[in-house]
C-alpha cells in the first residue's frame, strides 16, 4: 500500500493531539485515529445541564513552563481557577496541601516555628533512617498525625494495598507549606480552559484529518503502511503483543449524578481520606468554571464520586503501578522500541508513565523537535 501520510497518530489525547498539531503546522500530512467515539482522550468533557463534566476525572492545568502555557493559549483562553482541595477525614475538614491551616486543625499551632517543631517531634518518635516501605517513608517525613489522618487510608484506597506493602519510592517527598496559602500548586500558571477541555482538543486538531471509532489493532497492517512514521499513544505492551507479559495499572470508576441543589460541597475537589468511605473523592464540576454564571447559578449540580480499583482488560487503565515487577517489565519493552525506528511511543500509556498535562505537552513538543533535528 502506498504511504499517504507523513504521520499516523494513534490516539487523540493531549500527546497525540499536540504532536499532530506541530506536524501539521510544518506542512506534514497527518492522520489521527481514535478508538473511542469522540476525540480528547481522558481530558474529554461532557456537557450536562450546561456544566462541563470531567468524565475521566478532574483535570487542572498548571505549569511553570512558559512555552507550554503560550502553546496551550493559542487554542483556548484559561480562567483563573485555583486548585484548593479539601480533605474530609471522618467528617473533619482539612486544607490540602499541608499548610498552616492544616497544622492548626491538627494541633492548634499558630506559627510556622510551632508547626515545624511539632512535625520534627513526631518524626523523631520513629527514628526511621532507612525506610523499607511507604508507611515508614511517610512516618519518617511527617510523623504519626499527618500520616494517619491524611495519607494512610487514602493511599490504601488508591492502591488497594496496605501502605507497608507499597514501595517507599512512591512518596519521594511531602510538600509542607508553612503559610496560610491554600493553593495546591506552586506553578506560575494555572487554570481551566474556558468552555472546557474539548475546546482545547478541537483547536489542536482543527484542519487535521481525524477518524473516530478506529481501532489501530483491528486493521494494524493497513494502518502501519499508511504513513512514514507512527506516533503511538496506546499501551506499549499491547503494541508488542504482550511479548513479556502485561503491565499493571490502577483504574478509577466514576459514579456521576445530578443533584437538585445549587451548591453541593462548596469546592471542586474534596478528598475522603478515611478508610470508612469507599470512594477517594467527590468532584463538583461547576466549581471549575465559576465564570460560567448560568451553570453556577442553576439549581442543579453534577458530582462524581471516584472509586479506585484494580485494572483488568476491558476497563480504562489510569495509573501505572511503578513497582519492581512492572519496572523490570517496562525495561524489556523499551529494548523492543529500539527495533522500531518508524514508531514514536508517547503519552502515559505509550511510555507507561504518569504525566501531568503540561508535562505531556512539553514531551510532545520536545519529541517533535528532536525528529526535526535528526
Protein backbone atom coordinates (compact mmCIF):
# COMPACT_ATOMS: atom_id res chain seq x y z
CA UNK A 1 0.00 0.00 0.00
CA UNK A 2 1.27 3.45 -0.90
CA UNK A 3 2.06 5.68 2.07
CA UNK A 4 -0.46 8.53 2.06
CA UNK A 5 0.62 10.32 5.24
CA UNK A 6 3.78 11.57 6.87
CA UNK A 7 2.44 10.70 10.32
CA UNK A 8 -0.21 8.34 11.62
CA UNK A 9 -1.09 9.42 15.18
CA UNK A 10 -2.74 6.65 17.21
CA UNK A 11 -4.80 8.28 19.96
CA UNK A 12 -6.20 11.80 20.26
CA UNK A 13 -5.31 12.64 23.86
CA UNK A 14 -3.04 15.55 24.71
CA UNK A 15 0.17 13.92 23.48
CA UNK A 16 -1.30 12.76 20.18
CA UNK A 17 -3.23 15.98 19.53
CA UNK A 18 -0.21 18.16 20.34
CA UNK A 19 2.12 16.13 18.13
CA UNK A 20 -0.42 16.20 15.30
CA UNK A 21 -0.75 19.98 15.56
CA UNK A 22 3.02 20.52 15.48
CA UNK A 23 3.46 18.22 12.49
CA UNK A 24 0.57 19.79 10.60
CA UNK A 25 1.91 23.29 11.26
CA UNK A 26 5.13 22.35 9.45
CA UNK A 27 3.23 21.14 6.40
CA UNK A 28 3.22 17.44 7.18
CA UNK A 29 0.23 15.33 6.21
CA UNK A 30 -1.24 13.77 9.33
CA UNK A 31 -3.97 11.25 10.10
CA UNK A 32 -5.21 10.90 13.70
CA UNK A 33 -7.15 7.76 14.62
CA UNK A 34 -9.10 7.34 17.86
CA UNK A 35 -10.73 4.10 19.03
CA UNK A 36 -13.34 5.94 21.12
CA UNK A 37 -16.34 7.61 19.51
CA UNK A 38 -15.00 11.07 20.41
CA UNK A 39 -11.57 12.69 20.46
CA UNK A 40 -9.76 14.02 23.51
CA UNK A 41 -8.61 11.01 25.46
CA UNK A 42 -9.02 11.37 29.21
CA UNK A 43 -9.39 15.16 29.15
CA UNK A 44 -12.66 14.81 27.27
CA UNK A 45 -15.60 16.66 28.87
CA UNK A 46 -19.32 16.08 28.57
CA UNK A 47 -21.78 18.95 28.86
CA UNK A 48 -24.51 18.06 31.36
CA UNK A 49 -27.07 20.75 32.26
CA UNK A 50 -24.67 23.38 30.94
CA UNK A 51 -21.82 22.12 33.15
CA UNK A 52 -18.59 20.79 31.63
CA UNK A 53 -18.16 17.45 33.38
CA UNK A 54 -14.66 15.92 33.54
CA UNK A 55 -15.86 12.41 32.73
CA UNK A 56 -12.45 10.78 33.24
CA UNK A 57 -11.57 12.60 36.45
CA UNK A 58 -10.60 16.14 37.42
CA UNK A 59 -8.03 17.86 35.24
CA UNK A 60 -6.47 21.14 36.39
CA UNK A 61 -3.96 22.68 34.00
CA UNK A 62 -0.89 24.09 35.75
CA UNK A 63 2.65 24.79 34.60
CA UNK A 64 5.70 26.96 35.09
CA UNK A 65 6.81 26.31 31.52
CA UNK A 66 6.04 29.49 29.59
CA UNK A 67 6.44 27.76 26.23
CA UNK A 68 3.79 25.18 27.16
CA UNK A 69 1.48 27.85 28.59
CA UNK A 70 1.75 30.00 25.46
CA UNK A 71 1.24 26.97 23.24
CA UNK A 72 -2.00 25.98 25.02
CA UNK A 73 -3.24 29.56 24.93
CA UNK A 74 -3.05 29.52 21.13
CA UNK A 75 -6.17 27.37 21.16
CA UNK A 76 -8.18 28.37 24.21
CA UNK A 77 -8.34 31.01 26.93
CA UNK A 78 -7.96 29.86 30.53
CA UNK A 79 -9.87 31.07 33.56
CA UNK A 80 -8.31 31.86 36.94
CA UNK A 81 -9.34 28.67 38.72
CA UNK A 82 -7.05 27.90 41.68
CA UNK A 83 -6.94 24.33 42.95
CA UNK A 84 -7.59 24.34 46.70
CA UNK A 85 -8.75 20.83 47.62
CA UNK A 86 -10.23 19.89 50.97
CA UNK A 87 -9.64 16.66 52.89
CA UNK A 88 -12.54 15.11 54.79
CA UNK A 89 -11.39 12.62 57.45
CA UNK A 90 -14.31 11.11 59.35
CA UNK A 91 -16.26 14.35 58.96
CA UNK A 92 -13.48 16.74 59.94
CA UNK A 93 -12.14 19.08 57.25
CA UNK A 94 -8.51 19.96 56.49
CA UNK A 95 -6.83 22.05 53.81
CA UNK A 96 -4.54 20.48 51.22
CA UNK A 97 -1.66 20.71 50.62
CA UNK A 98 -0.34 20.52 54.19
CA UNK A 99 -0.20 24.16 55.24
CA UNK A 100 -0.67 26.35 58.30
CA UNK A 101 -4.45 25.88 58.15
CA UNK A 102 -3.92 22.09 58.18
CA UNK A 103 -1.50 22.24 61.10
CA UNK A 104 -3.85 24.47 63.08
CA UNK A 105 -6.69 21.97 62.65
CA UNK A 106 -4.41 19.11 63.73
CA UNK A 107 -2.51 20.69 66.61
CA UNK A 108 -3.75 24.28 67.08
CA UNK A 109 -0.27 25.56 66.17
CA UNK A 110 -0.34 29.22 65.19
CA UNK A 111 3.18 29.92 63.89
CA UNK A 112 5.49 28.19 61.41
CA UNK A 113 8.02 27.57 64.19
CA UNK A 114 5.40 25.75 66.26
CA UNK A 115 4.31 23.62 63.30
CA UNK A 116 7.88 22.72 62.33
CA UNK A 117 8.66 21.76 65.93
CA UNK A 118 5.58 19.50 66.07
CA UNK A 119 6.45 17.76 62.79
CA UNK A 120 10.08 17.22 63.86
CA UNK A 121 8.96 15.90 67.24
CA UNK A 122 6.75 13.30 65.57
CA UNK A 123 9.37 12.34 63.01
CA UNK A 124 11.95 11.69 65.73
CA UNK A 125 9.49 9.45 67.57
CA UNK A 126 10.07 6.70 64.99
CA UNK A 127 13.77 7.22 64.28
CA UNK A 128 13.50 5.78 60.76
CA UNK A 129 16.65 6.43 58.73
CA UNK A 130 16.26 3.77 56.03
CA UNK A 131 12.55 3.42 55.12
CA UNK A 132 11.68 0.00 53.73
CA UNK A 133 8.11 0.73 52.60
CA UNK A 134 5.69 3.58 52.01
CA UNK A 135 4.47 3.62 55.62
CA UNK A 136 7.99 4.00 57.00
CA UNK A 137 8.80 6.61 54.37
CA UNK A 138 5.76 8.72 55.26
CA UNK A 139 6.34 8.42 59.02
CA UNK A 140 9.96 9.47 58.54
CA UNK A 141 8.81 12.56 56.64
CA UNK A 142 5.78 13.76 58.59
CA UNK A 143 5.19 11.71 61.73
CA UNK A 144 2.09 9.97 63.00
CA UNK A 145 -0.74 12.55 62.90
CA UNK A 146 -0.45 13.69 59.28
CA UNK A 147 0.22 10.12 58.14
CA UNK A 148 -2.78 8.58 59.90
CA UNK A 149 -5.19 11.43 59.14
CA UNK A 150 -4.33 12.41 55.58
CA UNK A 151 -2.14 9.74 53.97
CA UNK A 152 -2.54 6.16 55.24
CA UNK A 153 -6.16 5.18 54.50
CA UNK A 154 -6.42 7.38 51.40
CA UNK A 155 -3.30 5.79 49.90
CA UNK A 156 -4.54 2.29 50.71
CA UNK A 157 -7.82 3.04 48.92
CA UNK A 158 -5.94 4.38 45.92
CA UNK A 159 -3.59 1.41 45.57
CA UNK A 160 -5.71 -1.39 47.02
CA UNK A 161 -2.76 -2.44 49.20
CA UNK A 162 -1.55 -1.74 52.72
CA UNK A 163 0.98 1.07 52.93
CA UNK A 164 3.55 -1.28 54.45
CA UNK A 165 3.23 -3.41 51.29
CA UNK A 166 3.92 -0.49 48.93
CA UNK A 167 7.45 0.60 47.95
CA UNK A 168 8.90 3.63 49.72
CA UNK A 169 9.71 5.47 46.49
CA UNK A 170 6.01 6.14 45.77
CA UNK A 171 6.33 9.01 48.25
CA UNK A 172 9.60 10.71 47.43
CA UNK A 173 8.75 13.83 49.39
CA UNK A 174 5.80 15.55 51.05
CA UNK A 175 5.13 19.23 50.33
CA UNK A 176 4.86 21.21 53.57
CA UNK A 177 3.81 24.82 53.19
CA UNK A 178 4.37 26.96 56.27
CA UNK A 179 2.00 29.69 55.11
CA UNK A 180 -1.79 30.02 55.06
CA UNK A 181 -1.85 29.68 51.26
CA UNK A 182 -4.38 27.02 50.16
CA UNK A 183 -3.24 26.93 46.52
CA UNK A 184 -2.28 23.31 45.88
CA UNK A 185 0.20 24.10 43.10
CA UNK A 186 3.28 26.30 43.14
CA UNK A 187 3.31 26.79 39.36
CA UNK A 188 3.36 30.20 37.69
CA UNK A 189 0.27 29.49 35.56
CA UNK A 190 -2.93 27.66 36.45
CA UNK A 191 -6.49 27.46 35.18
CA UNK A 192 -9.24 25.60 33.36
CA UNK A 193 -9.98 26.17 29.65
CA UNK A 194 -12.96 28.47 29.30
CA UNK A 195 -15.63 26.30 27.74
CA UNK A 196 -13.92 23.08 28.84
CA UNK A 197 -11.10 20.89 27.57
CA UNK A 198 -12.99 19.97 24.42
CA UNK A 199 -12.25 23.48 23.14
CA UNK A 200 -8.52 22.86 23.59
CA UNK A 201 -8.59 19.47 21.83
CA UNK A 202 -10.73 20.76 18.98
CA UNK A 203 -8.29 23.63 18.49
CA UNK A 204 -5.32 21.30 18.43
CA UNK A 205 -6.96 19.05 15.83
CA UNK A 206 -8.57 21.75 13.67
CA UNK A 207 -7.96 21.07 9.99
CA UNK A 208 -6.31 17.69 10.66
CA UNK A 209 -7.89 14.53 9.26
CA UNK A 210 -9.29 12.55 12.19
CA UNK A 211 -11.13 9.24 12.33
CA UNK A 212 -13.01 8.12 15.44
CA UNK A 213 -14.10 4.56 16.29
CA UNK A 214 -10.92 3.45 14.50
CA UNK A 215 -9.05 0.75 16.40
CA UNK A 216 -5.39 0.52 15.34
CA UNK A 217 -5.20 -3.19 16.21
CA UNK A 218 -8.29 -4.16 14.21
CA UNK A 219 -6.56 -3.12 10.96
CA UNK A 220 -2.98 -2.97 12.09
CA UNK A 221 -1.30 -3.97 8.84
CA UNK A 222 -3.34 -1.43 6.90
CA UNK A 223 -2.67 1.41 9.33
CA UNK A 224 1.05 0.66 9.66
CA UNK A 225 1.50 1.01 5.90
CA UNK A 226 -0.37 4.31 5.63
CA UNK A 227 2.38 6.58 6.93
CA UNK A 228 6.12 7.09 7.01
CA UNK A 229 6.06 7.33 10.81
CA UNK A 230 3.64 6.25 13.54
CA UNK A 231 3.03 8.13 16.77
CA UNK A 232 1.67 5.50 19.14
CA UNK A 233 -0.04 6.60 22.38
CA UNK A 234 -1.69 3.30 23.27
CA UNK A 235 -0.36 0.64 25.63
CA UNK A 236 3.27 -0.20 24.90
CA UNK A 237 2.83 -3.85 25.95
CA UNK A 238 -0.15 -4.25 23.64
CA UNK A 239 1.86 -2.84 20.72
CA UNK A 240 4.32 -5.70 21.18
CA UNK A 241 1.53 -8.27 21.62
CA UNK A 242 2.35 -8.70 25.34
CA UNK A 243 5.57 -10.50 24.47
CA UNK A 244 6.94 -10.21 28.03
CA UNK A 245 3.62 -10.09 29.87
CA UNK A 246 1.07 -7.44 30.83
CA UNK A 247 1.96 -4.19 32.56
CA UNK A 248 -0.30 -3.40 35.51
CA UNK A 249 -2.38 -0.31 36.21
CA UNK A 250 -4.76 1.07 38.77
CA UNK A 251 -8.10 2.17 37.40
CA UNK A 252 -10.86 4.52 38.55
CA UNK A 253 -14.60 4.01 38.44
CA UNK A 254 -16.86 7.08 38.44
CA UNK A 255 -20.37 7.43 39.78
CA UNK A 256 -21.73 10.67 38.33
CA UNK A 257 -25.10 12.08 39.27
CA UNK A 258 -27.16 15.25 39.01
CA UNK A 259 -28.38 16.67 42.32
CA UNK A 260 -31.21 19.18 42.63
CA UNK A 261 -29.21 21.71 44.60
CA UNK A 262 -27.25 24.77 43.53
CA UNK A 263 -24.10 24.04 45.53
CA UNK A 264 -23.36 20.59 46.94
CA UNK A 265 -19.98 20.84 48.68
CA UNK A 266 -18.69 24.38 48.13
CA UNK A 267 -15.49 23.22 46.43
CA UNK A 268 -14.46 21.46 43.24
CA UNK A 269 -12.43 18.74 44.98
CA UNK A 270 -13.00 17.07 48.35
CA UNK A 271 -10.78 14.08 49.19
CA UNK A 272 -12.12 11.49 51.62
CA UNK A 273 -9.02 10.32 53.47
CA UNK A 274 -10.65 7.89 55.91
CA UNK A 275 -10.99 4.19 55.25
CA UNK A 276 -14.69 4.09 56.13
CA UNK A 277 -15.66 5.99 52.98
CA UNK A 278 -15.41 3.70 49.93
CA UNK A 279 -14.63 6.44 47.39
CA UNK A 280 -11.47 8.55 47.29
CA UNK A 281 -13.00 11.91 46.44
CA UNK A 282 -16.02 13.83 45.20
CA UNK A 283 -15.71 16.27 42.32
CA UNK A 284 -18.33 19.02 41.91
CA UNK A 285 -17.71 20.10 38.35
CA UNK A 286 -19.35 23.52 38.21
CA UNK A 287 -16.73 24.91 40.63
CA UNK A 288 -14.05 24.51 37.95
CA UNK A 289 -15.69 27.27 35.88
CA UNK A 290 -17.16 29.90 38.23
CA UNK A 291 -17.25 32.36 35.33
CA UNK A 292 -19.99 30.20 33.78
CA UNK A 293 -22.66 32.04 35.76
CA UNK A 294 -25.63 30.38 34.05
CA UNK A 295 -24.39 26.94 35.12
CA UNK A 296 -23.20 28.09 38.52
CA UNK A 297 -26.50 29.73 39.43
CA UNK A 298 -28.53 26.79 38.14
CA UNK A 299 -30.29 24.96 40.97
CA UNK A 300 -28.79 21.70 39.75
CA UNK A 301 -25.25 20.46 40.12
CA UNK A 302 -23.27 17.46 38.85
CA UNK A 303 -20.96 15.49 41.12
CA UNK A 304 -18.71 12.48 40.52
CA UNK A 305 -17.60 10.02 43.18
CA UNK A 306 -14.31 8.33 42.35
CA UNK A 307 -13.61 4.72 43.32
CA UNK A 308 -10.09 3.37 42.88
CA UNK A 309 -9.92 -0.21 41.61
CA UNK A 310 -7.65 -2.90 40.25
CA UNK A 311 -7.30 -2.71 36.49
CA UNK A 312 -8.27 -5.57 34.20
CA UNK A 313 -8.74 -5.88 30.45
CA UNK A 314 -11.87 -4.13 29.27
CA UNK A 315 -11.67 -1.15 31.63
CA UNK A 316 -9.68 2.05 31.31
CA UNK A 317 -6.08 1.95 32.62
CA UNK A 318 -5.23 5.12 34.58
CA UNK A 319 -2.14 4.93 36.78
CA UNK A 320 0.99 2.84 36.12
CA UNK A 321 1.97 0.60 39.02
CA UNK A 322 5.64 1.55 39.31
CA UNK A 323 6.76 -1.34 41.48
CA UNK A 324 9.79 -3.53 40.87
CA UNK A 325 7.95 -6.13 38.78
CA UNK A 326 6.50 -3.57 36.35
CA UNK A 327 9.71 -1.54 36.18
CA UNK A 328 11.62 -4.63 35.05
CA UNK A 329 8.92 -5.44 32.51
CA UNK A 330 8.94 -1.91 31.13
CA UNK A 331 12.69 -2.02 30.55
CA UNK A 332 12.21 -5.16 28.48
CA UNK A 333 9.63 -3.44 26.30
CA UNK A 334 11.89 -0.41 25.91
CA UNK A 335 14.52 -2.66 24.34
CA UNK A 336 11.97 -3.56 21.65
CA UNK A 337 11.24 0.09 20.80
CA UNK A 338 14.81 0.47 19.54
CA UNK A 339 13.94 -2.05 16.84
CA UNK A 340 11.03 0.13 15.66
CA UNK A 341 12.64 3.34 14.35
CA UNK A 342 9.43 4.18 12.49
CA UNK A 343 7.42 4.41 15.73
CA UNK A 344 7.39 7.17 18.35
CA UNK A 345 5.94 6.00 21.67
CA UNK A 346 4.35 8.80 23.69
CA UNK A 347 1.93 9.60 26.49
CA UNK A 348 1.11 7.84 29.74
CA UNK A 349 0.28 4.51 28.05
CA UNK A 350 2.93 4.60 25.35
CA UNK A 351 5.64 5.35 27.91
CA UNK A 352 3.99 3.70 30.94
CA UNK A 353 4.49 6.91 32.90
CA UNK A 354 2.13 9.20 34.78
CA UNK A 355 2.21 12.70 33.29
CA UNK A 356 0.67 15.99 34.34
CA UNK A 357 -0.92 17.74 31.38
CA UNK A 358 1.83 20.33 30.97
CA UNK A 359 4.47 17.59 31.08
CA UNK A 360 2.82 15.59 28.32
CA UNK A 361 2.54 18.67 26.08
CA UNK A 362 6.19 19.52 26.78
CA UNK A 363 7.21 15.94 25.95
CA UNK A 364 5.33 16.04 22.63
CA UNK A 365 6.97 19.38 21.77
CA UNK A 366 10.43 18.02 22.59
CA UNK A 367 9.87 14.72 20.76
CA UNK A 368 8.78 16.53 17.60
CA UNK A 369 11.70 18.96 17.85
CA UNK A 370 14.11 16.02 18.14
CA UNK A 371 12.68 14.49 14.96
CA UNK A 372 13.17 17.74 13.08
CA UNK A 373 16.81 17.86 14.16
CA UNK A 374 17.57 14.30 13.02
